[in-house]
Amino acid sequence: MKFDRISLAAWSFVFVIYLLCDSEALFKFTNIKCNCFEQSFCEFKKCELKVLGRGIVGLNLYAKVNKLPIKKAKVVLALFRRFNGYRPFLFNVSVDLCFFLKHKKRFPFVNMVYEGIQNFTNANHSCPINHDIIVDHMVLDDKMISKAPVPNGFYKLSINVQTDGVWRDEVDVHAEVNLGFER
């Protein structure tokens, strides 16, 4: 009896994963907001979304860093879901960026976000960082959402960066998830 319930639960999980991998989901950026707290440290030259094609929205970001090199940085990633305003949802993680870049598998949520960004950015190497940060034409696809247990809705990913013990900037990325069915 107990074995049948476990077996049914396992097959249900496999079926849900199958649906997620083959779904024609809507997963796109809806807004981006960039804020540099200290203008002497950084400046956002570009922080925008661009329509690249029918239903395809690309994220473009160019952060000019005035104090280089960055040898140590702390990043806080927080995921919010919209329910009468944005409310915390599932993840709020802070990580030493340089340590993370050497040991990616220790931080699964941060690694999931990093895997989505790494092909579109020049900040895909370990510390120190000796250049400006560029994200060019980043597009969300269904494969990115298949790893995350999120239902339909509107989400905000907040990324805050701290260097030398001072909070330097904040980037809020808003996205819509519509899988065509409710999880």
Protein backbone atom coordinates (compact mmCIF):
# COMPACT_ATOMS: atom_id res chain seq x y z
CA MET A 1 0.00 0.00 0.00
CA LYS A 2 2.74 2.45 1.00
CA PHE A 3 4.84 1.40 -2.02
CA ASP A 4 1.95 2.18 -4.40
CA ARG A 5 1.65 5.74 -3.07
CA ILE A 6 5.38 6.35 -3.49
CA SER A 7 5.27 4.88 -6.97
CA LEU A 8 2.28 7.06 -7.92
CA ALA A 9 4.02 10.17 -6.55
CA ALA A 10 7.20 9.39 -8.50
CA TRP A 11 5.29 8.89 -11.78
CA SER A 12 3.34 12.10 -11.16
CA PHE A 13 6.61 13.97 -10.70
CA VAL A 14 8.03 12.50 -13.94
CA PHE A 15 4.84 13.49 -15.81
CA VAL A 16 5.00 17.09 -14.55
CA ILE A 17 8.68 17.36 -15.58
CA TYR A 18 7.76 15.99 -19.01
CA LEU A 19 5.03 18.62 -19.39
CA LEU A 20 7.44 21.39 -18.39
CA CYS A 21 10.12 20.32 -20.85
CA ASP A 22 7.69 20.15 -23.79
CA SER A 23 5.55 23.16 -22.95
CA GLU A 24 5.09 26.11 -25.26
CA ALA A 25 5.41 28.50 -22.35
CA LEU A 26 5.37 32.26 -22.36
CA PHE A 27 8.43 33.34 -20.41
CA LYS A 28 9.53 36.89 -21.14
CA PHE A 29 10.89 40.06 -19.63
CA THR A 30 8.34 42.79 -18.87
CA ASN A 31 10.46 45.52 -17.22
CA ILE A 32 13.93 46.33 -15.90
CA LYS A 33 15.02 48.97 -13.38
CA CYS A 34 18.65 49.79 -12.63
CA ASN A 35 19.82 51.99 -9.77
CA CYS A 36 23.40 52.89 -8.90
CA PHE A 37 23.58 54.12 -5.30
CA GLU A 38 27.02 55.71 -5.64
CA GLN A 39 27.72 57.49 -8.92
CA SER A 40 31.46 57.64 -8.24
CA PHE A 41 31.57 53.82 -8.28
CA CYS A 42 29.29 52.92 -11.17
CA GLU A 43 26.97 54.27 -13.82
CA PHE A 44 24.37 52.49 -15.94
CA LYS A 45 24.94 53.55 -19.54
CA LYS A 46 22.27 51.15 -20.80
CA CYS A 47 19.44 49.46 -18.91
CA GLU A 48 16.65 48.54 -21.29
CA LEU A 49 14.47 45.90 -22.88
CA LYS A 50 14.27 45.66 -26.66
CA VAL A 51 11.82 43.77 -28.82
CA LEU A 52 13.95 41.46 -30.98
CA GLY A 53 11.09 39.74 -32.79
CA ARG A 54 7.51 38.65 -32.39
CA GLY A 55 7.09 37.86 -28.69
CA ILE A 56 10.88 37.93 -28.10
CA VAL A 57 12.20 40.52 -25.66
CA GLY A 58 15.93 40.98 -25.10
CA LEU A 59 17.56 42.52 -22.03
CA ASN A 60 20.47 44.93 -22.56
CA LEU A 61 22.55 46.24 -19.68
CA TYR A 62 25.83 48.18 -19.65
CA ALA A 63 27.24 49.08 -16.25
CA LYS A 64 30.31 51.32 -16.36
CA VAL A 65 32.45 50.56 -13.31
CA ASN A 66 34.62 53.51 -12.29
CA LYS A 67 36.61 51.79 -9.50
CA LEU A 68 38.43 48.76 -10.86
CA PRO A 69 39.43 46.03 -10.17
CA ILE A 70 36.65 44.38 -8.19
CA LYS A 71 38.39 41.80 -6.01
CA LYS A 72 35.55 40.99 -3.63
CA ALA A 73 31.80 41.36 -4.09
CA LYS A 74 28.69 40.19 -2.29
CA VAL A 75 25.50 39.61 -4.31
CA VAL A 76 21.98 39.25 -2.91
CA LEU A 77 19.38 37.59 -5.14
CA ALA A 78 15.74 37.75 -4.10
CA LEU A 79 12.75 36.41 -6.01
CA PHE A 80 9.35 38.07 -5.58
CA ARG A 81 5.89 37.18 -6.93
CA ARG A 82 3.12 39.70 -7.55
CA PHE A 83 0.15 39.34 -5.15
CA ASN A 84 -1.30 42.82 -4.51
CA GLY A 85 2.24 44.14 -4.81
CA TYR A 86 5.42 42.09 -4.92
CA ARG A 87 5.82 39.59 -2.06
CA PRO A 88 8.87 37.43 -1.24
CA PHE A 89 8.71 34.07 -3.03
CA LEU A 90 10.90 31.01 -2.37
CA PHE A 91 14.39 32.48 -2.64
CA ASN A 92 16.44 35.16 -0.90
CA VAL A 93 20.13 34.25 -1.15
CA SER A 94 23.30 36.21 -0.45
CA VAL A 95 26.61 34.92 -1.76
CA ASP A 96 30.23 35.98 -2.06
CA LEU A 97 30.54 36.33 -5.84
CA CYS A 98 34.20 35.32 -6.09
CA PHE A 99 33.63 32.20 -3.95
CA PHE A 100 30.54 31.32 -6.01
CA LEU A 101 32.44 31.56 -9.31
CA LYS A 102 34.89 28.92 -8.01
CA HIS A 103 32.23 26.65 -6.38
CA LYS A 104 29.04 27.00 -8.45
CA LYS A 105 27.36 23.75 -7.39
CA ARG A 106 27.16 24.85 -3.75
CA PHE A 107 24.53 27.49 -4.57
CA PRO A 108 21.81 25.94 -6.77
CA PHE A 109 19.50 28.97 -7.09
CA VAL A 110 22.36 31.39 -7.80
CA ASN A 111 23.80 28.88 -10.27
CA MET A 112 20.44 28.63 -12.05
CA VAL A 113 20.36 32.43 -12.48
CA TYR A 114 24.04 32.47 -13.52
CA GLU A 115 23.50 29.73 -16.15
CA GLY A 116 20.76 31.86 -17.68
CA ILE A 117 23.01 34.93 -17.86
CA GLN A 118 26.47 33.50 -18.63
CA ASN A 119 26.05 33.16 -22.41
CA PHE A 120 24.97 36.79 -22.75
CA THR A 121 27.51 38.56 -20.54
CA ASN A 122 31.20 39.35 -20.36
CA ALA A 123 31.24 38.70 -16.58
CA ASN A 124 31.57 34.93 -16.96
CA HIS A 125 34.96 34.44 -15.31
CA SER A 126 36.41 34.41 -11.81
CA CYS A 127 37.66 37.39 -9.82
CA PRO A 128 39.14 39.94 -10.14
CA ILE A 129 36.83 41.75 -12.54
CA ASN A 130 38.79 44.36 -14.50
CA HIS A 131 36.15 45.63 -16.91
CA ASP A 132 32.64 47.04 -17.26
CA ILE A 133 29.67 44.66 -16.94
CA ILE A 134 27.73 44.03 -20.15
CA VAL A 135 24.64 41.88 -20.75
CA ASP A 136 23.68 41.90 -24.42
CA HIS A 137 20.40 40.66 -25.94
CA MET A 138 19.60 38.21 -23.12
CA VAL A 139 16.43 36.31 -24.01
CA LEU A 140 14.50 34.01 -21.69
CA ASP A 141 13.46 30.58 -22.94
CA ASP A 142 11.46 27.60 -21.70
CA LYS A 143 14.54 25.64 -20.65
CA MET A 144 15.39 28.25 -18.01
CA ILE A 145 12.02 27.93 -16.27
CA SER A 146 11.91 24.11 -16.39
CA LYS A 147 14.38 23.95 -13.47
CA ALA A 148 12.45 26.36 -11.24
CA PRO A 149 9.28 25.36 -9.37
CA VAL A 150 7.26 28.47 -10.18
CA PRO A 151 3.56 28.72 -11.07
CA ASN A 152 2.05 31.15 -13.57
CA GLY A 153 2.37 34.79 -12.63
CA PHE A 154 4.48 37.91 -12.65
CA TYR A 155 7.86 37.83 -10.93
CA LYS A 156 10.64 40.21 -9.93
CA LEU A 157 14.26 39.17 -9.50
CA SER A 158 16.13 41.71 -7.40
CA ILE A 159 19.94 41.71 -7.65
CA ASN A 160 21.87 43.85 -5.14
CA VAL A 161 25.66 44.20 -5.23
CA GLN A 162 27.99 45.14 -2.38
CA THR A 163 31.74 45.81 -2.68
CA ASP A 164 34.10 46.98 0.06
CA GLY A 165 31.23 46.78 2.57
CA VAL A 166 29.13 49.36 0.68
CA TRP A 167 25.95 48.65 -1.29
CA ARG A 168 26.70 49.81 -4.82
CA ASP A 169 23.77 49.02 -7.09
CA GLU A 170 20.44 47.30 -7.54
CA VAL A 171 18.89 45.76 -10.64
CA ASP A 172 15.23 44.67 -10.65
CA VAL A 173 14.20 42.43 -13.53
CA HIS A 174 10.48 41.79 -14.01
CA ALA A 175 9.28 38.73 -15.95
CA GLU A 176 6.03 36.98 -16.83
CA VAL A 177 5.57 33.22 -16.63
CA ASN A 178 2.55 31.67 -18.35
CA LEU A 179 2.85 27.95 -18.91
CA GLY A 180 -0.56 27.55 -20.50
CA PHE A 181 -1.67 25.47 -17.52
CA GLU A 182 -1.54 25.93 -13.76
CA ARG A 183 1.06 23.91 -11.82
